[in-house]
Amino acid sequence: MPSSLSDLIAHLADRAPAFARRLEAAGLTAADIRTEDDLSRIPVLRKDDLITLQAQNPPFGGLLAVEISALKRVYQSPGPIYEPEADRPDYWRWASALKAAGFHPGDVALNAFGYHLTPAGAMFEEGLRAVGCTVLPGGVGNQEQQVRAMHALGVTGYVGLPSYLKALLDKADELGLPLKVEKAFVTAEPLPPSLRAELQNRGVATVRQGYGTAECGNLGYECEAEDGWHVPEDVIVQICDINTGQPLPAGEVGEVVVTVLHEEYALVRFGTGDLSALNTAPCTCGRATPRLVGWLGRVGDAVKVRGMFLHPRQLRDLMARFPEVTRWQAMITREAHKDYLSLEIVAADAPDDLESRLAAAARDAIKFRLAVRRVPDLPADAKPIRDTRSWD
């Protein structure tokens, strides 16, 4: 394992040809990158750039610095983007976040993130195992079965969406099965103060949230002060101007740009597309790392629904299959702390089964369940996605 940033950059430039080309295109050599400040000379790698690289040179776009046989797992996220997981414990580095939320050996934890193709389920299982927890791999769905298992096994911890924890507590009340969940680590969707308070009032004493991405893993987590997300010590996070890519002073809002300190995959100066700011004031918990102030929006048009990003490009590709639809718009609403996705379409002369065919195609193509309904008309300039949610 390279012992310094300069060693890591030299290693990746030698082993990952696409990263070497990035340096060359910027007029740089590996020897030019010795400190975190030097990283800012490398242009930001966007998610769309990653998709293009992987499409041109599958499966990892020339950024993988080891043989694929050396990997433990490979995931596919929407885009598609393939994410490698090296064969080592807690590759995604969630242990520090889970420890801060009170998870410890002896806990039995439900992991309610998905295990199929996308990395969330396995990455959090690795983190839970790293702190000594026994894991119930629940994934999403089958709420009654999960609640019965949680009751029988005395589950004390939960990892997943905050809205899904509420749904499980509701199901437990409906079934008359008391649960012992006393701590939760939640991510992938906002945690409004009202929902945190409701979960705590229903017996989950500790509800902490964190922030990460499928590509980068853990990028921030709450401590007991619940005053922002501590940046982990094992990753470099910069807040950068969305136009220039240059780091901004603490407190200013910009894009979260990440350099993952892994020798297997050259994820250097990766732009997450998320907006935040850094708080460098000392935290009362005593941790020295700066804190992200929270999620402040997206650089582009993608939005997060039920914990997954929905890209306008995905919708456009889907709707290209249905030329009988003359106008369309996806709509996101939120009710009782739960996201709902629907698709309004204008298709006057289409067959009666259009809605069901479109809904089935959406499940396969973009991995979202959505309600399809015809409307008389939509504005000619209607945005691909209309987000009406509030987070009160």
Protein backbone atom coordinates (compact mmCIF):
# COMPACT_ATOMS: atom_id res chain seq x y z
CA MET A 1 0.00 0.00 0.00
CA PRO A 2 1.51 3.41 -0.95
CA SER A 3 2.55 5.28 2.19
CA SER A 4 1.90 8.84 0.97
CA LEU A 5 -0.26 10.76 -1.48
CA SER A 6 2.68 11.20 -3.86
CA ASP A 7 3.38 7.45 -3.77
CA LEU A 8 -0.29 6.70 -4.43
CA ILE A 9 -0.45 9.07 -7.41
CA ALA A 10 2.74 7.53 -8.85
CA HIS A 11 1.33 4.03 -8.37
CA LEU A 12 -2.00 4.88 -10.03
CA ALA A 13 -0.33 6.68 -12.93
CA ASP A 14 1.78 3.57 -13.54
CA ARG A 15 -1.04 1.04 -13.26
CA ALA A 16 -4.20 2.86 -14.46
CA PRO A 17 -3.76 4.10 -18.05
CA ALA A 18 -6.81 6.39 -18.04
CA PHE A 19 -5.48 8.19 -14.97
CA ALA A 20 -2.10 8.61 -16.65
CA ARG A 21 -3.91 10.18 -19.61
CA ARG A 22 -5.78 12.55 -17.27
CA LEU A 23 -2.48 13.79 -15.88
CA GLU A 24 -0.97 14.14 -19.35
CA ALA A 25 -4.00 16.06 -20.65
CA ALA A 26 -3.58 18.50 -17.75
CA GLY A 27 0.10 18.95 -18.53
CA LEU A 28 1.13 17.13 -15.37
CA THR A 29 3.28 14.21 -14.33
CA ALA A 30 2.80 12.06 -11.25
CA ALA A 31 5.79 13.85 -9.66
CA ASP A 32 3.85 17.13 -9.75
CA ILE A 33 1.23 15.83 -7.28
CA ARG A 34 2.74 15.67 -3.82
CA THR A 35 0.23 17.40 -1.53
CA GLU A 36 -3.51 17.91 -1.23
CA ASP A 37 -3.09 21.41 -2.67
CA ASP A 38 -1.40 19.90 -5.74
CA LEU A 39 -4.47 17.74 -6.37
CA SER A 40 -6.38 20.86 -7.40
CA ARG A 41 -4.27 21.02 -10.57
CA ILE A 42 -6.08 17.90 -11.80
CA PRO A 43 -9.44 18.65 -13.47
CA VAL A 44 -12.52 17.23 -11.78
CA LEU A 45 -13.72 13.85 -13.07
CA ARG A 46 -17.51 14.01 -13.47
CA LYS A 47 -19.93 11.11 -13.17
CA ASP A 48 -20.76 11.48 -16.88
CA ASP A 49 -17.02 11.34 -17.64
CA LEU A 50 -16.82 8.08 -15.73
CA ILE A 51 -19.77 6.66 -17.67
CA THR A 52 -18.11 7.65 -20.95
CA LEU A 53 -14.73 6.18 -19.97
CA GLN A 54 -16.30 2.89 -18.98
CA ALA A 55 -18.38 2.74 -22.16
CA GLN A 56 -15.29 3.36 -24.29
CA ASN A 57 -13.05 0.94 -22.40
CA PRO A 58 -15.20 -1.52 -20.44
CA PRO A 59 -15.61 -2.39 -17.71
CA PHE A 60 -13.64 0.17 -15.63
CA GLY A 61 -12.56 2.75 -18.19
CA GLY A 62 -8.84 2.21 -17.66
CA LEU A 63 -9.00 3.35 -14.01
CA LEU A 64 -8.58 -0.07 -12.41
CA ALA A 65 -5.03 -0.56 -11.17
CA VAL A 66 -5.28 -4.30 -10.43
CA GLU A 67 -6.56 -7.34 -12.28
CA ILE A 68 -10.30 -7.91 -11.98
CA SER A 69 -9.52 -11.30 -10.41
CA ALA A 70 -8.07 -9.43 -7.41
CA LEU A 71 -11.45 -7.88 -6.57
CA LYS A 72 -13.91 -9.15 -3.99
CA ARG A 73 -17.04 -7.78 -5.65
CA VAL A 74 -18.11 -5.66 -8.63
CA TYR A 75 -21.29 -3.56 -8.58
CA GLN A 76 -23.42 -1.83 -11.19
CA SER A 77 -25.06 1.49 -10.41
CA PRO A 78 -27.37 3.52 -12.67
CA GLY A 79 -25.55 5.01 -15.63
CA PRO A 80 -24.38 2.28 -15.83
CA ILE A 81 -21.27 2.66 -13.68
CA TYR A 82 -19.27 -0.35 -12.51
CA GLU A 83 -17.73 -0.01 -9.05
CA PRO A 84 -14.93 -2.34 -7.91
CA GLU A 85 -14.50 -3.52 -4.32
CA ALA A 86 -11.01 -4.66 -3.38
CA ASP A 87 -10.53 -7.80 -1.30
CA ARG A 88 -10.01 -6.25 2.10
CA PRO A 89 -12.21 -5.66 5.18
CA ASP A 90 -14.44 -2.58 5.21
CA TYR A 91 -13.22 -1.33 1.81
CA TRP A 92 -15.89 1.39 1.86
CA ARG A 93 -14.73 2.60 5.32
CA TRP A 94 -18.06 2.83 7.16
CA ALA A 95 -16.74 1.48 10.49
CA SER A 96 -15.89 4.94 11.85
CA ALA A 97 -19.39 6.20 11.10
CA LEU A 98 -21.06 3.20 12.73
CA LYS A 99 -18.87 3.43 15.83
CA ALA A 100 -19.82 7.10 16.17
CA ALA A 101 -23.48 6.02 16.09
CA GLY A 102 -22.89 3.59 18.96
CA PHE A 103 -22.69 0.27 17.10
CA HIS A 104 -20.43 -2.22 18.89
CA PRO A 105 -19.72 -5.95 19.30
CA GLY A 106 -22.81 -7.73 20.56
CA ASP A 107 -25.25 -5.70 18.49
CA VAL A 108 -27.51 -7.52 16.06
CA ALA A 109 -28.18 -5.10 13.20
CA LEU A 110 -30.71 -5.14 10.37
CA ASN A 111 -29.11 -3.97 7.13
CA ALA A 112 -32.01 -2.64 5.07
CA PHE A 113 -30.01 -1.57 2.03
CA GLY A 114 -30.28 -3.46 -1.26
CA TYR A 115 -27.86 -6.26 -2.09
CA HIS A 116 -28.62 -6.68 -5.79
CA LEU A 117 -25.99 -5.18 -8.14
CA THR A 118 -25.76 -1.87 -6.27
CA PRO A 119 -23.13 -1.61 -3.50
CA ALA A 120 -25.06 -0.23 -0.51
CA GLY A 121 -26.07 -3.55 1.04
CA ALA A 122 -22.65 -5.17 0.91
CA MET A 123 -20.75 -2.00 1.82
CA PHE A 124 -22.72 -1.52 5.03
CA GLU A 125 -22.49 -5.19 5.88
CA GLU A 126 -18.69 -4.87 5.65
CA GLY A 127 -18.81 -1.87 7.98
CA LEU A 128 -21.08 -3.61 10.48
CA ARG A 129 -18.85 -6.66 10.53
CA ALA A 130 -15.80 -4.44 11.03
CA VAL A 131 -17.28 -3.12 14.31
CA GLY A 132 -18.26 -6.60 15.47
CA CYS A 133 -21.99 -6.64 14.76
CA THR A 134 -24.04 -9.66 13.74
CA VAL A 135 -25.89 -8.75 10.54
CA LEU A 136 -29.42 -9.56 9.46
CA PRO A 137 -29.24 -8.94 5.67
CA GLY A 138 -32.75 -7.66 5.13
CA GLY A 139 -32.47 -5.53 2.02
CA VAL A 140 -35.65 -3.73 0.98
CA GLY A 141 -39.12 -5.28 1.01
CA ASN A 142 -40.90 -8.12 2.84
CA GLN A 143 -41.58 -5.85 5.80
CA GLU A 144 -43.61 -8.36 7.77
CA GLN A 145 -40.92 -11.03 7.39
CA GLN A 146 -38.26 -8.53 8.46
CA VAL A 147 -40.22 -7.38 11.50
CA ARG A 148 -40.79 -10.96 12.65
CA ALA A 149 -37.07 -11.68 12.28
CA MET A 150 -36.15 -8.47 14.13
CA HIS A 151 -38.48 -9.43 16.98
CA ALA A 152 -37.25 -13.03 17.18
CA LEU A 153 -33.53 -12.12 17.00
CA GLY A 154 -33.67 -9.11 19.31
CA VAL A 155 -32.27 -6.73 16.68
CA THR A 156 -30.74 -3.71 18.42
CA GLY A 157 -29.42 -1.71 15.45
CA TYR A 158 -30.66 -0.56 12.07
CA VAL A 159 -28.88 0.65 8.93
CA GLY A 160 -30.91 1.94 5.99
CA LEU A 161 -33.26 4.71 4.88
CA PRO A 162 -34.90 6.64 7.74
CA SER A 163 -38.29 6.40 6.02
CA TYR A 164 -37.96 2.62 5.83
CA LEU A 165 -37.24 2.38 9.56
CA LYS A 166 -40.46 4.26 10.20
CA ALA A 167 -42.29 1.82 7.91
CA LEU A 168 -40.86 -1.14 9.87
CA LEU A 169 -41.91 0.40 13.18
CA ASP A 170 -45.40 0.96 11.77
CA LYS A 171 -45.54 -2.68 10.62
CA ALA A 172 -44.34 -3.88 14.05
CA ASP A 173 -47.14 -1.90 15.71
CA GLU A 174 -49.64 -3.37 13.27
CA LEU A 175 -48.44 -6.91 14.07
CA GLY A 176 -48.21 -6.28 17.80
CA LEU A 177 -44.54 -7.26 17.89
CA PRO A 178 -42.30 -5.11 20.11
CA LEU A 179 -38.86 -4.31 18.73
CA LYS A 180 -35.62 -3.55 20.59
CA VAL A 181 -33.99 -1.25 18.03
CA GLU A 182 -32.10 1.35 20.07
CA LYS A 183 -29.71 2.82 17.48
CA ALA A 184 -29.92 3.63 13.79
CA PHE A 185 -27.51 4.86 11.17
CA VAL A 186 -29.41 6.31 8.22
CA THR A 187 -28.34 7.72 4.89
CA ALA A 188 -29.27 8.03 1.19
CA GLU A 189 -32.20 10.39 1.85
CA PRO A 190 -32.74 13.46 4.05
CA LEU A 191 -33.52 13.07 7.74
CA PRO A 192 -35.91 15.90 8.64
CA PRO A 193 -35.94 16.91 12.32
CA SER A 194 -39.56 15.79 12.55
CA LEU A 195 -38.72 12.26 11.40
CA ARG A 196 -35.69 12.00 13.71
CA ALA A 197 -37.86 13.08 16.62
CA GLU A 198 -40.58 10.57 15.72
CA LEU A 199 -38.09 7.69 15.54
CA GLN A 200 -36.58 8.69 18.88
CA ASN A 201 -40.00 9.00 20.49
CA ARG A 202 -40.75 5.46 19.34
CA GLY A 203 -37.75 4.01 21.15
CA VAL A 204 -34.81 4.43 18.78
CA ALA A 205 -32.75 6.55 21.16
CA THR A 206 -29.82 7.21 18.81
CA VAL A 207 -30.55 8.20 15.21
CA ARG A 208 -27.47 9.38 13.35
CA GLN A 209 -27.10 10.17 9.68
CA GLY A 210 -24.20 10.07 7.28
CA TYR A 211 -23.25 10.79 3.71
CA GLY A 212 -21.49 8.79 1.04
CA THR A 213 -21.71 7.66 -2.56
CA ALA A 214 -21.67 4.35 -4.40
CA GLU A 215 -18.29 5.21 -5.90
CA CYS A 216 -16.58 6.59 -2.79
CA GLY A 217 -18.16 4.99 0.28
CA ASN A 218 -18.13 6.94 3.55
CA LEU A 219 -17.66 10.71 3.13
CA GLY A 220 -19.19 12.04 6.33
CA TYR A 221 -21.04 11.07 9.51
CA GLU A 222 -22.68 12.59 12.57
CA CYS A 223 -21.22 12.41 16.05
CA GLU A 224 -23.11 12.88 19.32
CA ALA A 225 -23.19 16.65 18.73
CA GLU A 226 -25.33 16.11 15.59
CA ASP A 227 -23.79 19.26 14.10
CA GLY A 228 -22.74 18.30 10.57
CA TRP A 229 -20.95 15.29 9.09
CA HIS A 230 -17.35 14.60 10.11
CA VAL A 231 -15.15 13.92 7.09
CA PRO A 232 -13.36 10.57 7.65
CA GLU A 233 -9.60 10.70 8.08
CA ASP A 234 -9.02 8.15 5.30
CA VAL A 235 -10.33 10.17 2.34
CA ILE A 236 -9.67 13.64 0.89
CA VAL A 237 -12.81 15.76 0.50
CA GLN A 238 -12.65 19.19 -1.12
CA ILE A 239 -15.47 21.69 -1.62
CA CYS A 240 -14.92 23.17 -5.07
CA ASP A 241 -16.28 25.90 -7.32
CA ILE A 242 -18.71 24.19 -9.69
CA ASN A 243 -17.29 26.05 -12.69
CA THR A 244 -13.53 26.11 -12.05
CA GLY A 245 -13.14 23.00 -9.90
CA GLN A 246 -10.92 24.92 -7.50
CA PRO A 247 -11.28 24.52 -3.70
CA LEU A 248 -13.37 27.12 -1.88
CA PRO A 249 -12.81 28.60 1.58
CA ALA A 250 -14.57 27.00 4.54
CA GLY A 251 -18.22 27.97 4.72
CA GLU A 252 -18.72 28.54 1.00
CA VAL A 253 -21.06 26.24 -0.93
CA GLY A 254 -19.61 24.15 -3.73
CA GLU A 255 -19.35 20.65 -5.14
CA VAL A 256 -18.10 17.77 -3.01
CA VAL A 257 -14.97 16.54 -4.82
CA VAL A 258 -13.34 13.37 -3.51
CA THR A 259 -10.00 11.59 -3.76
CA VAL A 260 -10.21 8.03 -2.44
CA LEU A 261 -6.89 6.81 -1.04
CA HIS A 262 -7.09 3.33 -2.57
CA GLU A 263 -4.37 1.79 -4.69
CA GLU A 264 -6.76 -0.46 -6.62
CA TYR A 265 -8.88 2.16 -8.39
CA ALA A 266 -7.92 5.65 -9.56
CA LEU A 267 -10.81 7.67 -8.18
CA VAL A 268 -8.95 10.97 -7.93
CA ARG A 269 -10.72 14.36 -7.87
CA PHE A 270 -14.09 12.73 -8.45
CA GLY A 271 -16.99 15.20 -8.54
CA THR A 272 -19.96 13.72 -6.72
CA GLY A 273 -22.40 16.29 -8.09
CA ASP A 274 -23.54 17.03 -4.53
CA LEU A 275 -23.35 20.50 -3.01
CA SER A 276 -22.17 21.19 0.53
CA ALA A 277 -19.81 23.40 2.56
CA LEU A 278 -17.13 22.73 5.15
CA ASN A 279 -17.33 23.77 8.80
CA THR A 280 -13.81 23.86 10.26
CA ALA A 281 -14.78 25.11 13.74
CA PRO A 282 -13.87 22.70 16.57
CA CYS A 283 -16.58 20.16 17.37
CA THR A 284 -17.63 19.55 20.96
CA CYS A 285 -17.06 15.81 20.45
CA GLY A 286 -13.31 16.38 20.20
CA ARG A 287 -12.86 14.94 16.69
CA ALA A 288 -10.42 17.07 14.74
CA THR A 289 -11.79 16.56 11.24
CA PRO A 290 -13.83 19.27 9.47
CA ARG A 291 -17.54 18.71 8.98
CA LEU A 292 -19.76 18.90 5.94
CA VAL A 293 -22.72 21.10 6.84
CA GLY A 294 -25.17 18.78 5.10
CA TRP A 295 -26.57 18.09 1.66
CA LEU A 296 -27.36 21.38 -0.08
CA GLY A 297 -28.54 20.18 -3.49
CA ARG A 298 -27.15 18.86 -6.77
CA VAL A 299 -24.86 20.44 -9.33
CA GLY A 300 -26.86 19.00 -12.21
CA ASP A 301 -30.39 17.85 -12.79
CA ALA A 302 -30.22 14.44 -11.08
CA VAL A 303 -32.36 13.99 -7.98
CA LYS A 304 -32.36 11.35 -5.26
CA VAL A 305 -35.55 9.31 -4.87
CA ARG A 306 -35.88 6.56 -2.25
CA GLY A 307 -32.13 6.62 -1.81
CA MET A 308 -31.16 6.33 -5.49
CA PHE A 309 -30.35 8.99 -8.07
CA LEU A 310 -32.74 9.47 -10.96
CA HIS A 311 -31.10 11.09 -13.99
CA PRO A 312 -33.09 12.95 -16.67
CA ARG A 313 -30.95 11.05 -19.20
CA GLN A 314 -32.37 7.76 -17.90
CA LEU A 315 -35.90 9.03 -18.41
CA ARG A 316 -35.14 10.32 -21.90
CA ASP A 317 -33.69 6.94 -22.91
CA LEU A 318 -36.75 5.22 -21.51
CA MET A 319 -39.25 7.50 -23.23
CA ALA A 320 -37.47 7.15 -26.57
CA ARG A 321 -38.94 3.65 -26.64
CA PHE A 322 -42.46 5.09 -26.62
CA PRO A 323 -42.83 7.46 -29.61
CA GLU A 324 -46.60 7.51 -29.07
CA VAL A 325 -45.98 9.70 -26.00
CA THR A 326 -45.81 13.28 -27.22
CA ARG A 327 -44.97 14.95 -23.88
CA TRP A 328 -44.03 13.67 -20.44
CA GLN A 329 -42.82 14.71 -17.01
CA ALA A 330 -41.75 12.71 -13.96
CA MET A 331 -43.07 14.02 -10.65
CA ILE A 332 -41.68 13.37 -7.18
CA THR A 333 -43.90 13.91 -4.18
CA ARG A 334 -43.46 13.08 -0.49
CA GLU A 335 -46.11 12.06 1.99
CA ALA A 336 -45.70 10.78 5.55
CA HIS A 337 -41.90 10.76 5.11
CA LYS A 338 -42.08 8.56 2.02
CA ASP A 339 -41.14 9.42 -1.60
CA TYR A 340 -43.55 8.73 -4.47
CA LEU A 341 -42.56 8.77 -8.13
CA SER A 342 -45.08 9.18 -10.92
CA LEU A 343 -44.93 9.86 -14.65
CA GLU A 344 -47.44 12.11 -16.38
CA ILE A 345 -47.78 11.50 -20.12
CA VAL A 346 -49.62 13.01 -23.05
CA ALA A 347 -50.58 10.26 -25.49
CA ALA A 348 -54.01 10.87 -26.93
CA ASP A 349 -54.24 8.01 -29.43
CA ALA A 350 -52.12 5.35 -27.70
CA PRO A 351 -53.47 1.89 -26.78
CA ASP A 352 -55.09 1.31 -23.40
CA ASP A 353 -52.19 -0.80 -22.14
CA LEU A 354 -49.61 1.97 -22.57
CA GLU A 355 -49.46 2.82 -18.87
CA SER A 356 -48.79 -0.77 -17.79
CA ARG A 357 -46.16 -1.28 -20.51
CA LEU A 358 -44.41 1.95 -19.54
CA ALA A 359 -44.42 1.07 -15.83
CA ALA A 360 -42.97 -2.38 -16.57
CA ALA A 361 -40.28 -0.87 -18.82
CA ALA A 362 -39.36 1.62 -16.09
CA ARG A 363 -38.84 -1.16 -13.54
CA ASP A 364 -36.42 -2.86 -15.93
CA ALA A 365 -34.67 0.16 -17.46
CA ILE A 366 -34.29 2.63 -14.59
CA LYS A 367 -34.97 0.34 -11.58
CA PHE A 368 -37.77 2.52 -10.25
CA ARG A 369 -41.39 1.65 -9.64
CA LEU A 370 -43.59 4.50 -10.76
CA ALA A 371 -47.24 5.26 -11.33
CA VAL A 372 -48.08 6.29 -14.92
CA ARG A 373 -51.06 8.49 -15.66
CA ARG A 374 -52.28 10.26 -18.79
CA VAL A 375 -52.99 13.97 -18.64
CA PRO A 376 -54.64 16.19 -21.27
CA ASP A 377 -51.54 18.30 -21.82
CA LEU A 378 -48.21 19.45 -20.42
CA PRO A 379 -46.25 22.65 -21.07
CA ALA A 380 -43.91 22.45 -24.03
CA ASP A 381 -41.02 23.48 -21.74
CA ALA A 382 -41.86 21.03 -18.94
CA LYS A 383 -38.72 19.84 -17.13
CA PRO A 384 -37.99 16.08 -17.24
CA ILE A 385 -38.32 15.90 -13.44
CA ARG A 386 -40.56 18.00 -11.22
CA ASP A 387 -39.66 17.67 -7.53
CA THR A 388 -42.41 18.96 -5.23
CA ARG A 389 -41.03 17.56 -1.96
CA SER A 390 -40.49 19.61 1.15
CA TRP A 391 -38.34 18.52 4.09
CA ASP A 392 -40.18 20.15 6.98
